[in-house]
Amino acid sequence: MRSYAYLLASVLAFFMAIASALHIEVASSQNPAPVCIRDFVQEEQLVVVSIKTDGKVGDGQRLDLHIVDSIGNEYRRKNDIAGTLKVAFTSHHNAAFDVCFTNFLDRKYNENNKVFREVELEIESGSAARDWNAVQAAEKLKPVELELRRVQELTTEIANELQYLKGREERMRDTNESTNARVQWFSIGVIISLVGLGVWQIQYLRHYFKIKHII
């Protein structure tokens, strides 16, 4: 049973590592557009963003980093990054966040020469972002116990995510039902108004024709 749990934890960790690692090329320009990678994070969750770039400071390119969520919370802004950089923060809300790179080209260089920076990006959140070596040393856990602990926390995160999605679906269903009820009453009001307007027009025309002695 322990060997099966250890194998399961290893497979999960392997696929999580594959899914989170990205290699991107950020083109350099004098008026560049940001290149952003979006991920979703739960409230009060630890996030670690590991960045590795080629090039160096002063090579004619200035690579800027900006991390912000969809609500507007800014977690990190750093200009002219190069080499290896690691950013850790705790999320404030259940929201998507963007890791954006903007690569400015020095004006003394010809913009026709296509240059870019290669960026290796890895985003870890929740249990994947924790320093499990420190946890193992602090709590004196065996390797199998450590893997079981990781699987337990990962399972808890998945359960919390499902609970959040369930609550969101309930809110959306309530909104849809409320909207349908309002549309229904609005439609009834429009029909009553049209019927009343039609009756009034008939009465007005009858009165008009009587005055003119047409009928």
N, C-alpha and C. Protein backbone atom coordinates (compact mmCIF):
# COMPACT_ATOMS: atom_id res chain seq x y z
N MET A 1 0.83 -1.20 0.00
CA MET A 1 0.00 0.00 0.00
C MET A 1 0.87 1.26 0.00
N ARG A 2 1.92 1.23 0.81
CA ARG A 2 2.81 2.39 0.87
C ARG A 2 3.55 2.60 -0.45
N SER A 3 3.96 1.50 -1.07
CA SER A 3 4.66 1.62 -2.35
C SER A 3 3.73 2.18 -3.41
N TYR A 4 2.45 1.78 -3.37
CA TYR A 4 1.47 2.31 -4.33
C TYR A 4 1.27 3.81 -4.12
N ALA A 5 1.17 4.23 -2.87
CA ALA A 5 0.99 5.66 -2.57
C ALA A 5 2.23 6.45 -3.01
N TYR A 6 3.40 5.88 -2.79
CA TYR A 6 4.63 6.55 -3.21
C TYR A 6 4.68 6.69 -4.73
N LEU A 7 4.27 5.64 -5.45
CA LEU A 7 4.26 5.69 -6.90
C LEU A 7 3.25 6.72 -7.40
N LEU A 8 2.07 6.75 -6.78
CA LEU A 8 1.04 7.71 -7.17
C LEU A 8 1.53 9.13 -6.96
N ALA A 9 2.16 9.39 -5.83
CA ALA A 9 2.66 10.74 -5.54
C ALA A 9 3.75 11.13 -6.54
N SER A 10 4.61 10.20 -6.89
CA SER A 10 5.67 10.50 -7.85
C SER A 10 5.10 10.84 -9.22
N VAL A 11 4.07 10.07 -9.65
CA VAL A 11 3.45 10.34 -10.95
C VAL A 11 2.78 11.70 -10.96
N LEU A 12 2.06 12.02 -9.87
CA LEU A 12 1.41 13.33 -9.78
C LEU A 12 2.43 14.45 -9.82
N ALA A 13 3.51 14.30 -9.10
CA ALA A 13 4.55 15.33 -9.08
C ALA A 13 5.19 15.48 -10.46
N PHE A 14 5.37 14.36 -11.16
CA PHE A 14 5.97 14.40 -12.49
C PHE A 14 5.11 15.18 -13.47
N PHE A 15 3.80 14.85 -13.48
CA PHE A 15 2.90 15.53 -14.41
C PHE A 15 2.69 16.98 -14.05
N MET A 16 2.71 17.31 -12.76
CA MET A 16 2.61 18.71 -12.36
C MET A 16 3.82 19.50 -12.82
N ALA A 17 4.98 18.90 -12.76
CA ALA A 17 6.20 19.58 -13.21
C ALA A 17 6.16 19.83 -14.70
N ILE A 18 5.64 18.84 -15.48
CA ILE A 18 5.55 19.01 -16.93
C ILE A 18 4.57 20.12 -17.28
N ALA A 19 3.44 20.14 -16.58
CA ALA A 19 2.38 21.09 -16.91
C ALA A 19 2.78 22.52 -16.59
N SER A 20 3.65 22.72 -15.58
CA SER A 20 3.93 24.07 -15.13
C SER A 20 5.13 24.70 -15.81
N ALA A 21 5.97 23.91 -16.49
CA ALA A 21 7.19 24.45 -17.10
C ALA A 21 6.89 24.95 -18.51
N LEU A 22 7.30 26.19 -18.80
CA LEU A 22 7.05 26.80 -20.10
C LEU A 22 8.33 27.42 -20.62
N HIS A 23 8.51 27.35 -21.94
CA HIS A 23 9.61 28.02 -22.62
C HIS A 23 9.00 28.98 -23.64
N ILE A 24 9.27 30.26 -23.50
CA ILE A 24 8.71 31.25 -24.41
C ILE A 24 9.81 32.17 -24.91
N GLU A 25 9.55 32.76 -26.07
CA GLU A 25 10.45 33.75 -26.65
C GLU A 25 9.73 35.10 -26.66
N VAL A 26 10.35 36.09 -26.03
CA VAL A 26 9.75 37.41 -25.92
C VAL A 26 10.50 38.33 -26.88
N ALA A 27 9.84 38.70 -27.97
CA ALA A 27 10.47 39.54 -28.98
C ALA A 27 10.73 40.93 -28.43
N SER A 28 11.84 41.52 -28.90
CA SER A 28 12.23 42.85 -28.44
C SER A 28 11.83 43.90 -29.46
N SER A 29 11.32 45.03 -28.95
CA SER A 29 10.89 46.12 -29.81
C SER A 29 10.99 47.42 -29.02
N GLN A 30 11.02 48.55 -29.74
CA GLN A 30 11.04 49.83 -29.05
C GLN A 30 9.68 50.19 -28.48
N ASN A 31 8.62 49.61 -29.02
CA ASN A 31 7.27 49.77 -28.48
C ASN A 31 6.63 48.39 -28.34
N PRO A 32 7.11 47.60 -27.41
CA PRO A 32 6.67 46.19 -27.36
C PRO A 32 5.32 46.04 -26.65
N ALA A 33 4.64 44.97 -27.01
CA ALA A 33 3.43 44.56 -26.31
C ALA A 33 3.81 43.48 -25.30
N PRO A 34 3.19 43.50 -24.13
CA PRO A 34 3.53 42.50 -23.11
C PRO A 34 3.11 41.10 -23.53
N VAL A 35 3.91 40.12 -23.16
CA VAL A 35 3.60 38.71 -23.35
C VAL A 35 3.25 38.14 -21.98
N CYS A 36 2.01 37.66 -21.83
CA CYS A 36 1.51 37.27 -20.52
C CYS A 36 1.15 35.78 -20.49
N ILE A 37 1.39 35.19 -19.35
CA ILE A 37 0.98 33.82 -19.05
C ILE A 37 0.01 33.90 -17.89
N ARG A 38 -1.17 33.29 -18.06
CA ARG A 38 -2.22 33.39 -17.04
C ARG A 38 -2.39 32.06 -16.33
N ASP A 39 -2.60 32.15 -15.03
CA ASP A 39 -2.88 30.97 -14.21
C ASP A 39 -3.92 31.37 -13.17
N PHE A 40 -4.57 30.36 -12.58
CA PHE A 40 -5.59 30.61 -11.57
C PHE A 40 -5.08 30.13 -10.22
N VAL A 41 -5.41 30.88 -9.19
CA VAL A 41 -4.96 30.52 -7.85
C VAL A 41 -6.09 30.75 -6.86
N GLN A 42 -6.12 29.95 -5.81
CA GLN A 42 -7.13 30.10 -4.77
C GLN A 42 -6.68 31.15 -3.76
N GLU A 43 -7.63 31.59 -2.95
CA GLU A 43 -7.35 32.62 -1.95
C GLU A 43 -6.39 32.09 -0.89
N GLU A 44 -5.48 32.96 -0.46
CA GLU A 44 -4.50 32.64 0.59
C GLU A 44 -3.65 31.43 0.22
N GLN A 45 -3.29 31.33 -1.04
CA GLN A 45 -2.47 30.21 -1.51
C GLN A 45 -1.08 30.71 -1.87
N LEU A 46 -0.09 29.93 -1.48
CA LEU A 46 1.29 30.28 -1.80
C LEU A 46 1.57 30.02 -3.27
N VAL A 47 2.22 30.99 -3.92
CA VAL A 47 2.59 30.86 -5.33
C VAL A 47 4.08 31.20 -5.46
N VAL A 48 4.79 30.34 -6.16
CA VAL A 48 6.22 30.58 -6.43
C VAL A 48 6.42 30.59 -7.94
N VAL A 49 6.94 31.70 -8.45
CA VAL A 49 7.20 31.85 -9.88
C VAL A 49 8.71 31.84 -10.08
N SER A 50 9.20 30.84 -10.80
CA SER A 50 10.64 30.71 -11.08
C SER A 50 10.89 31.11 -12.53
N ILE A 51 11.82 32.03 -12.73
CA ILE A 51 12.11 32.57 -14.06
C ILE A 51 13.61 32.43 -14.34
N LYS A 52 13.89 31.97 -15.55
CA LYS A 52 15.27 31.86 -16.00
C LYS A 52 15.35 32.41 -17.41
N THR A 53 16.19 33.41 -17.63
CA THR A 53 16.29 34.04 -18.94
C THR A 53 17.73 34.01 -19.43
N ASP A 54 17.87 34.11 -20.75
CA ASP A 54 19.20 34.27 -21.31
C ASP A 54 19.53 35.76 -21.39
N GLY A 55 20.66 36.09 -21.97
CA GLY A 55 21.06 37.48 -22.08
C GLY A 55 21.58 38.02 -20.75
N LYS A 56 21.87 39.32 -20.77
CA LYS A 56 22.39 39.97 -19.58
C LYS A 56 22.00 41.45 -19.60
N VAL A 57 22.14 42.07 -18.46
CA VAL A 57 21.81 43.49 -18.35
C VAL A 57 22.81 44.30 -19.19
N GLY A 58 22.29 45.20 -20.03
CA GLY A 58 23.14 46.04 -20.86
C GLY A 58 23.42 45.48 -22.23
N ASP A 59 22.70 44.43 -22.65
CA ASP A 59 22.93 43.85 -23.97
C ASP A 59 22.03 44.45 -25.05
N GLY A 60 21.39 45.57 -24.73
CA GLY A 60 20.51 46.23 -25.70
C GLY A 60 19.05 45.89 -25.54
N GLN A 61 18.73 44.95 -24.65
CA GLN A 61 17.35 44.58 -24.38
C GLN A 61 17.06 44.78 -22.89
N ARG A 62 15.86 45.26 -22.59
CA ARG A 62 15.44 45.43 -21.20
C ARG A 62 14.16 44.66 -20.99
N LEU A 63 14.27 43.55 -20.29
CA LEU A 63 13.13 42.68 -20.04
C LEU A 63 12.51 43.04 -18.70
N ASP A 64 11.25 43.47 -18.72
CA ASP A 64 10.53 43.86 -17.51
C ASP A 64 9.53 42.79 -17.12
N LEU A 65 9.34 42.63 -15.82
CA LEU A 65 8.41 41.65 -15.27
C LEU A 65 7.30 42.37 -14.52
N HIS A 66 6.08 41.88 -14.71
CA HIS A 66 4.93 42.44 -13.99
C HIS A 66 3.97 41.29 -13.67
N ILE A 67 3.64 41.14 -12.40
CA ILE A 67 2.71 40.10 -11.95
C ILE A 67 1.52 40.80 -11.30
N VAL A 68 0.34 40.58 -11.84
CA VAL A 68 -0.87 41.22 -11.35
C VAL A 68 -2.04 40.27 -11.55
N ASP A 69 -3.03 40.31 -10.65
CA ASP A 69 -4.19 39.44 -10.82
C ASP A 69 -5.32 40.19 -11.51
N SER A 70 -6.40 39.47 -11.82
CA SER A 70 -7.50 40.04 -12.58
C SER A 70 -8.29 41.08 -11.79
N ILE A 71 -8.12 41.11 -10.47
CA ILE A 71 -8.81 42.09 -9.64
C ILE A 71 -8.03 43.39 -9.57
N GLY A 72 -6.74 43.33 -9.86
CA GLY A 72 -5.91 44.53 -9.84
C GLY A 72 -4.81 44.53 -8.79
N ASN A 73 -4.71 43.45 -8.01
CA ASN A 73 -3.64 43.36 -7.01
C ASN A 73 -2.30 43.11 -7.69
N GLU A 74 -1.35 43.96 -7.39
CA GLU A 74 -0.01 43.82 -7.98
C GLU A 74 0.89 43.09 -7.00
N TYR A 75 1.50 42.00 -7.47
CA TYR A 75 2.35 41.19 -6.61
C TYR A 75 3.84 41.45 -6.81
N ARG A 76 4.20 41.82 -8.03
CA ARG A 76 5.63 42.10 -8.26
C ARG A 76 5.79 42.89 -9.55
N ARG A 77 6.69 43.86 -9.51
CA ARG A 77 7.10 44.60 -10.71
C ARG A 77 8.61 44.81 -10.62
N LYS A 78 9.30 44.34 -11.64
CA LYS A 78 10.76 44.45 -11.65
C LYS A 78 11.22 44.71 -13.07
N ASN A 79 12.08 45.71 -13.23
CA ASN A 79 12.58 46.08 -14.55
C ASN A 79 13.98 45.52 -14.77
N ASP A 80 14.26 45.26 -16.05
CA ASP A 80 15.59 44.83 -16.48
C ASP A 80 16.04 43.57 -15.75
N ILE A 81 15.28 42.50 -15.91
CA ILE A 81 15.65 41.24 -15.28
C ILE A 81 16.52 40.43 -16.23
N ALA A 82 17.39 39.63 -15.68
CA ALA A 82 18.25 38.73 -16.45
C ALA A 82 18.73 37.63 -15.53
N GLY A 83 19.02 36.48 -16.13
CA GLY A 83 19.49 35.36 -15.33
C GLY A 83 18.33 34.65 -14.64
N THR A 84 18.52 34.32 -13.38
CA THR A 84 17.54 33.56 -12.61
C THR A 84 16.85 34.45 -11.59
N LEU A 85 15.56 34.31 -11.51
CA LEU A 85 14.77 35.10 -10.56
C LEU A 85 13.65 34.23 -10.02
N LYS A 86 13.40 34.33 -8.73
CA LYS A 86 12.31 33.60 -8.09
C LYS A 86 11.45 34.58 -7.32
N VAL A 87 10.14 34.52 -7.56
CA VAL A 87 9.18 35.41 -6.91
C VAL A 87 8.17 34.56 -6.16
N ALA A 88 7.97 34.87 -4.87
CA ALA A 88 7.00 34.15 -4.05
C ALA A 88 5.99 35.16 -3.49
N PHE A 89 4.72 34.80 -3.50
CA PHE A 89 3.69 35.65 -2.93
C PHE A 89 2.51 34.79 -2.52
N THR A 90 1.65 35.37 -1.69
CA THR A 90 0.42 34.72 -1.25
C THR A 90 -0.76 35.45 -1.87
N SER A 91 -1.63 34.72 -2.52
CA SER A 91 -2.75 35.33 -3.23
C SER A 91 -3.74 35.95 -2.26
N HIS A 92 -4.40 37.02 -2.71
CA HIS A 92 -5.38 37.71 -1.88
C HIS A 92 -6.81 37.24 -2.14
N HIS A 93 -7.06 36.72 -3.34
CA HIS A 93 -8.43 36.34 -3.71
C HIS A 93 -8.39 35.09 -4.60
N ASN A 94 -9.56 34.48 -4.78
CA ASN A 94 -9.71 33.46 -5.81
C ASN A 94 -9.78 34.17 -7.15
N ALA A 95 -8.70 34.16 -7.87
CA ALA A 95 -8.65 34.95 -9.11
C ALA A 95 -7.53 34.45 -9.99
N ALA A 96 -7.63 34.82 -11.26
CA ALA A 96 -6.55 34.54 -12.21
C ALA A 96 -5.48 35.62 -12.06
N PHE A 97 -4.24 35.24 -12.28
CA PHE A 97 -3.16 36.22 -12.25
C PHE A 97 -2.32 36.06 -13.51
N ASP A 98 -1.72 37.17 -13.93
CA ASP A 98 -0.91 37.19 -15.15
C ASP A 98 0.55 37.45 -14.80
N VAL A 99 1.42 36.67 -15.41
CA VAL A 99 2.86 36.91 -15.35
C VAL A 99 3.25 37.48 -16.71
N CYS A 100 3.56 38.76 -16.75
CA CYS A 100 3.77 39.47 -18.02
C CYS A 100 5.24 39.87 -18.18
N PHE A 101 5.72 39.70 -19.41
CA PHE A 101 7.07 40.11 -19.78
C PHE A 101 6.99 41.13 -20.91
N THR A 102 7.75 42.21 -20.77
CA THR A 102 7.81 43.24 -21.81
C THR A 102 9.29 43.48 -22.12
N ASN A 103 9.65 43.30 -23.39
CA ASN A 103 11.05 43.37 -23.79
C ASN A 103 11.29 44.63 -24.64
N PHE A 104 11.96 45.61 -24.05
CA PHE A 104 12.24 46.87 -24.73
C PHE A 104 13.60 46.81 -25.42
N LEU A 105 13.65 47.30 -26.66
CA LEU A 105 14.89 47.35 -27.42
C LEU A 105 15.50 48.73 -27.30
N ASP A 106 16.79 48.77 -27.05
CA ASP A 106 17.49 50.05 -26.95
C ASP A 106 17.41 50.78 -28.29
N ARG A 107 17.19 52.11 -28.23
CA ARG A 107 16.98 52.89 -29.44
C ARG A 107 18.23 52.95 -30.33
N LYS A 108 19.37 52.66 -29.80
CA LYS A 108 20.59 52.70 -30.63
C LYS A 108 20.73 51.47 -31.51
N TYR A 109 19.83 50.48 -31.30
CA TYR A 109 19.88 49.27 -32.11
C TYR A 109 18.81 49.34 -33.19
N ASN A 110 19.08 48.70 -34.30
CA ASN A 110 18.15 48.69 -35.43
C ASN A 110 17.00 47.73 -35.12
N GLU A 111 15.77 48.24 -35.22
CA GLU A 111 14.62 47.42 -34.88
C GLU A 111 14.34 46.36 -35.93
N ASN A 112 14.92 46.50 -37.11
CA ASN A 112 14.72 45.51 -38.16
C ASN A 112 15.40 44.18 -37.82
N ASN A 113 16.42 44.24 -36.99
CA ASN A 113 17.09 43.02 -36.56
C ASN A 113 16.23 42.34 -35.48
N LYS A 114 15.70 41.20 -35.81
CA LYS A 114 14.81 40.51 -34.90
C LYS A 114 15.61 39.87 -33.77
N VAL A 115 15.43 40.41 -32.57
CA VAL A 115 16.10 39.86 -31.39
C VAL A 115 15.03 39.55 -30.35
N PHE A 116 15.36 38.64 -29.47
CA PHE A 116 14.39 38.23 -28.46
C PHE A 116 15.13 37.66 -27.27
N ARG A 117 14.40 37.52 -26.19
CA ARG A 117 14.91 36.86 -24.99
C ARG A 117 14.17 35.54 -24.79
N GLU A 118 14.90 34.51 -24.51
CA GLU A 118 14.30 33.22 -24.18
C GLU A 118 14.03 33.17 -22.67
N VAL A 119 12.81 32.79 -22.33
CA VAL A 119 12.39 32.77 -20.93
C VAL A 119 11.89 31.38 -20.58
N GLU A 120 12.43 30.83 -19.52
CA GLU A 120 11.93 29.56 -18.97
C GLU A 120 11.14 29.90 -17.72
N LEU A 121 9.87 29.56 -17.74
CA LEU A 121 8.96 29.96 -16.67
C LEU A 121 8.34 28.74 -16.01
N GLU A 122 8.35 28.74 -14.70
CA GLU A 122 7.72 27.66 -13.94
C GLU A 122 6.87 28.28 -12.83
N ILE A 123 5.61 27.92 -12.79
CA ILE A 123 4.68 28.44 -11.79
C ILE A 123 4.21 27.29 -10.91
N GLU A 124 4.44 27.42 -9.63
CA GLU A 124 4.02 26.41 -8.66
C GLU A 124 3.12 27.08 -7.63
N SER A 125 2.06 26.39 -7.24
CA SER A 125 1.14 26.95 -6.26
C SER A 125 0.69 25.88 -5.30
N GLY A 126 0.28 26.32 -4.12
CA GLY A 126 -0.22 25.39 -3.13
C GLY A 126 0.85 24.45 -2.61
N SER A 127 0.51 23.17 -2.57
CA SER A 127 1.44 22.17 -2.04
C SER A 127 2.69 22.04 -2.89
N ALA A 128 2.56 22.28 -4.21
CA ALA A 128 3.73 22.17 -5.09
C ALA A 128 4.75 23.26 -4.82
N ALA A 129 4.31 24.38 -4.22
CA ALA A 129 5.22 25.50 -3.98
C ALA A 129 5.93 25.41 -2.63
N ARG A 130 5.51 24.49 -1.78
CA ARG A 130 6.11 24.39 -0.45
C ARG A 130 7.50 23.77 -0.51
N ASP A 131 8.31 24.15 0.43
CA ASP A 131 9.65 23.57 0.55
C ASP A 131 9.53 22.29 1.38
N TRP A 132 9.35 21.18 0.68
CA TRP A 132 9.10 19.92 1.38
C TRP A 132 10.35 19.38 2.07
N ASN A 133 11.51 19.77 1.60
CA ASN A 133 12.73 19.36 2.31
C ASN A 133 12.77 19.97 3.71
N ALA A 134 12.35 21.24 3.79
CA ALA A 134 12.31 21.89 5.11
C ALA A 134 11.25 21.24 6.00
N VAL A 135 10.10 20.87 5.41
CA VAL A 135 9.05 20.20 6.18
C VAL A 135 9.53 18.85 6.68
N GLN A 136 10.23 18.12 5.82
CA GLN A 136 10.74 16.81 6.23
C GLN A 136 11.75 16.94 7.35
N ALA A 137 12.61 17.96 7.25
CA ALA A 137 13.62 18.14 8.29
C ALA A 137 12.99 18.61 9.60
N ALA A 138 11.97 19.46 9.52
CA ALA A 138 11.36 20.01 10.73
C ALA A 138 10.52 18.96 11.45
N GLU A 139 9.79 18.15 10.70
CA GLU A 139 8.90 17.17 11.31
C GLU A 139 9.49 15.76 11.35
N LYS A 140 10.70 15.61 10.83
CA LYS A 140 11.40 14.33 10.84
C LYS A 140 10.55 13.21 10.21
N LEU A 141 10.12 13.47 9.00
CA LEU A 141 9.27 12.53 8.29
C LEU A 141 10.11 11.58 7.43
N LYS A 142 9.63 10.37 7.31
CA LYS A 142 10.25 9.42 6.40
C LYS A 142 9.84 9.76 4.97
N PRO A 143 10.59 9.29 3.96
CA PRO A 143 10.24 9.61 2.56
C PRO A 143 8.82 9.24 2.20
N VAL A 144 8.37 8.04 2.62
CA VAL A 144 7.01 7.62 2.30
C VAL A 144 6.00 8.52 3.01
N GLU A 145 6.26 8.86 4.27
CA GLU A 145 5.37 9.75 5.01
C GLU A 145 5.31 11.13 4.37
N LEU A 146 6.44 11.57 3.87
CA LEU A 146 6.48 12.88 3.21
C LEU A 146 5.63 12.88 1.94
N GLU A 147 5.74 11.80 1.14
CA GLU A 147 4.95 11.71 -0.08
C GLU A 147 3.45 11.62 0.23
N LEU A 148 3.11 10.87 1.28
CA LEU A 148 1.71 10.79 1.69
C LEU A 148 1.20 12.15 2.15
N ARG A 149 2.04 12.90 2.81
CA ARG A 149 1.67 14.25 3.25
C ARG A 149 1.42 15.15 2.05
N ARG A 150 2.25 15.02 1.04
CA ARG A 150 2.07 15.82 -0.17
C ARG A 150 0.77 15.45 -0.89
N VAL A 151 0.51 14.14 -0.98
CA VAL A 151 -0.73 13.69 -1.62
C VAL A 151 -1.94 14.18 -0.84
N GLN A 152 -1.86 14.16 0.49
CA GLN A 152 -2.96 14.62 1.31
C GLN A 152 -3.26 16.10 1.07
N GLU A 153 -2.21 16.92 1.04
CA GLU A 153 -2.42 18.35 0.81
C GLU A 153 -2.93 18.61 -0.60
N LEU A 154 -2.42 17.84 -1.57
CA LEU A 154 -2.90 18.00 -2.94
C LEU A 154 -4.38 17.62 -3.04
N THR A 155 -4.76 16.55 -2.37
CA THR A 155 -6.17 16.14 -2.37
C THR A 155 -7.05 17.20 -1.72
N THR A 156 -6.56 17.80 -0.62
CA THR A 156 -7.32 18.87 0.04
C THR A 156 -7.50 20.06 -0.89
N GLU A 157 -6.46 20.41 -1.63
CA GLU A 157 -6.56 21.53 -2.57
C GLU A 157 -7.57 21.23 -3.67
N ILE A 158 -7.56 19.99 -4.17
CA ILE A 158 -8.53 19.62 -5.21
C ILE A 158 -9.95 19.68 -4.67
N ALA A 159 -10.14 19.22 -3.42
CA ALA A 159 -11.47 19.27 -2.81
C ALA A 159 -11.93 20.72 -2.63
N ASN A 160 -11.01 21.59 -2.20
CA ASN A 160 -11.36 23.00 -2.03
C ASN A 160 -11.70 23.64 -3.37
N GLU A 161 -10.96 23.25 -4.41
CA GLU A 161 -11.24 23.79 -5.74
C GLU A 161 -12.62 23.35 -6.23
N LEU A 162 -12.95 22.07 -6.00
CA LEU A 162 -14.27 21.58 -6.39
C LEU A 162 -15.38 22.28 -5.60
N GLN A 163 -15.12 22.54 -4.31
CA GLN A 163 -16.10 23.24 -3.49
C GLN A 163 -16.29 24.67 -4.00
N TYR A 164 -15.19 25.31 -4.40
CA TYR A 164 -15.29 26.67 -4.94
C TYR A 164 -16.08 26.67 -6.25
N LEU A 165 -15.81 25.70 -7.11
CA LEU A 165 -16.53 25.62 -8.38
C LEU A 165 -18.02 25.33 -8.14
N LYS A 166 -18.31 24.50 -7.14
CA LYS A 166 -19.71 24.22 -6.81
C LYS A 166 -20.42 25.49 -6.34
N GLY A 167 -19.76 26.25 -5.45
CA GLY A 167 -20.36 27.49 -4.99
C GLY A 167 -20.53 28.50 -6.11
N ARG A 168 -19.56 28.55 -7.01
CA ARG A 168 -19.67 29.47 -8.15
C ARG A 168 -20.82 29.05 -9.07
N GLU A 169 -20.98 27.75 -9.28
CA GLU A 169 -22.08 27.27 -10.12
C GLU A 169 -23.43 27.61 -9.47
N GLU A 170 -23.52 27.50 -8.15
CA GLU A 170 -24.76 27.85 -7.46
C GLU A 170 -25.07 29.33 -7.61
N ARG A 171 -24.05 30.18 -7.48
CA ARG A 171 -24.27 31.62 -7.66
C ARG A 171 -24.71 31.94 -9.08
N MET A 172 -24.10 31.29 -10.06
CA MET A 172 -24.49 31.53 -11.44
C MET A 172 -25.90 31.04 -11.71
N ARG A 173 -26.28 29.89 -11.10
CA ARG A 173 -27.64 29.39 -11.28
C ARG A 173 -28.65 30.35 -10.66
N ASP A 174 -28.34 30.87 -9.46
CA ASP A 174 -29.24 31.83 -8.82
C ASP A 174 -29.37 33.09 -9.67
N THR A 175 -28.25 33.53 -10.25
CA THR A 175 -28.30 34.72 -11.11
C THR A 175 -29.15 34.47 -12.35
N ASN A 176 -29.00 33.28 -12.93
CA ASN A 176 -29.79 32.94 -14.12
C ASN A 176 -31.28 32.88 -13.79
N GLU A 177 -31.62 32.27 -12.65
CA GLU A 177 -33.03 32.18 -12.27
C GLU A 177 -33.60 33.56 -11.99
N SER A 178 -32.82 34.41 -11.32
CA SER A 178 -33.29 35.77 -11.05
C SER A 178 -33.48 36.55 -12.35
N THR A 179 -32.54 36.38 -13.28
CA THR A 179 -32.65 37.08 -14.57
C THR A 179 -33.86 36.58 -15.36
N ASN A 180 -34.09 35.26 -15.35
CA ASN A 180 -35.25 34.71 -16.06
C ASN A 180 -36.55 35.23 -15.47
N ALA A 181 -36.62 35.32 -14.13
CA ALA A 181 -37.84 35.84 -13.50
C ALA A 181 -38.08 37.30 -13.88
N ARG A 182 -37.01 38.09 -13.90
CA ARG A 182 -37.16 39.50 -14.27
C ARG A 182 -37.58 39.65 -15.72
N VAL A 183 -36.98 38.84 -16.60
CA VAL A 183 -37.37 38.89 -18.01
C VAL A 183 -38.82 38.47 -18.19
N GLN A 184 -39.26 37.48 -17.42
CA GLN A 184 -40.64 37.02 -17.53
C GLN A 184 -41.61 38.13 -17.13
N TRP A 185 -41.37 38.79 -16.00
CA TRP A 185 -42.24 39.88 -15.56
C TRP A 185 -42.16 41.07 -16.52
N PHE A 186 -40.97 41.32 -17.06
CA PHE A 186 -40.85 42.40 -18.03
C PHE A 186 -41.67 42.10 -19.29
N SER A 187 -41.64 40.84 -19.73
CA SER A 187 -42.41 40.45 -20.91
C SER A 187 -43.91 40.59 -20.65
N ILE A 188 -44.33 40.17 -19.45
CA ILE A 188 -45.75 40.33 -19.09
C ILE A 188 -46.15 41.80 -19.08
N GLY A 189 -45.28 42.65 -18.53
CA GLY A 189 -45.55 44.08 -18.51
C GLY A 189 -45.64 44.67 -19.90
N VAL A 190 -44.75 44.23 -20.80
CA VAL A 190 -44.79 44.72 -22.18
C VAL A 190 -46.09 44.30 -22.87
N ILE A 191 -46.51 43.04 -22.65
CA ILE A 191 -47.76 42.56 -23.27
C ILE A 191 -48.96 43.35 -22.76
N ILE A 192 -49.01 43.56 -21.43
CA ILE A 192 -50.13 44.33 -20.87
C ILE A 192 -50.14 45.75 -21.43
N SER A 193 -48.95 46.35 -21.55
CA SER A 193 -48.86 47.71 -22.09
C SER A 193 -49.33 47.76 -23.53
N LEU A 194 -48.95 46.77 -24.34
CA LEU A 194 -49.37 46.75 -25.75
C LEU A 194 -50.88 46.54 -25.87
N VAL A 195 -51.43 45.66 -25.05
CA VAL A 195 -52.88 45.43 -25.09
C VAL A 195 -53.63 46.70 -24.68
N GLY A 196 -53.15 47.34 -23.60
CA GLY A 196 -53.78 48.59 -23.17
C GLY A 196 -53.69 49.67 -24.22
N LEU A 197 -52.50 49.78 -24.87
CA LEU A 197 -52.34 50.77 -25.93
C LEU A 197 -53.26 50.49 -27.11
N GLY A 198 -53.44 49.19 -27.45
CA GLY A 198 -54.33 48.83 -28.55
C GLY A 198 -55.77 49.18 -28.24
N VAL A 199 -56.21 48.88 -26.99
CA VAL A 199 -57.59 49.22 -26.59
C VAL A 199 -57.80 50.73 -26.64
N TRP A 200 -56.81 51.48 -26.15
CA TRP A 200 -56.93 52.95 -26.17
C TRP A 200 -57.02 53.48 -27.59
N GLN A 201 -56.21 52.93 -28.51
CA GLN A 201 -56.25 53.38 -29.90
C GLN A 201 -57.61 53.08 -30.54
N ILE A 202 -58.18 51.91 -30.23
CA ILE A 202 -59.50 51.58 -30.79
C ILE A 202 -60.56 52.57 -30.29
N GLN A 203 -60.55 52.85 -28.99
CA GLN A 203 -61.51 53.79 -28.42
C GLN A 203 -61.33 55.19 -28.99
N TYR A 204 -60.08 55.58 -29.16
CA TYR A 204 -59.82 56.91 -29.71
C TYR A 204 -60.32 57.02 -31.15
N LEU A 205 -60.04 55.97 -31.95
CA LEU A 205 -60.48 56.02 -33.34
C LEU A 205 -62.02 55.99 -33.45
N ARG A 206 -62.68 55.22 -32.60
CA ARG A 206 -64.14 55.20 -32.61
C ARG A 206 -64.70 56.58 -32.26
N HIS A 207 -64.10 57.20 -31.23
CA HIS A 207 -64.56 58.54 -30.85
C HIS A 207 -64.31 59.54 -31.97
N TYR A 208 -63.18 59.42 -32.63
CA TYR A 208 -62.83 60.35 -33.72
C TYR A 208 -63.80 60.20 -34.90
N PHE A 209 -64.10 58.95 -35.25
CA PHE A 209 -65.00 58.71 -36.38
C PHE A 209 -66.44 59.19 -36.06
N LYS A 210 -66.85 59.06 -34.79
CA LYS A 210 -68.18 59.55 -34.40
C LYS A 210 -68.26 61.07 -34.52
N ILE A 211 -67.20 61.75 -34.09
CA ILE A 211 -67.19 63.22 -34.18
C ILE A 211 -67.26 63.67 -35.64
N LYS A 212 -66.57 62.98 -36.51
CA LYS A 212 -66.52 63.33 -37.93
C LYS A 212 -67.75 62.78 -38.69
N HIS A 213 -68.63 62.08 -37.96
CA HIS A 213 -69.84 61.51 -38.54
C HIS A 213 -69.50 60.50 -39.65
N ILE A 214 -68.39 59.85 -39.42
CA ILE A 214 -68.04 58.81 -40.42
C ILE A 214 -68.78 57.53 -40.11
N ILE A 215 -69.01 57.27 -38.81
CA ILE A 215 -69.80 56.10 -38.41
C ILE A 215 -70.95 56.54 -37.52
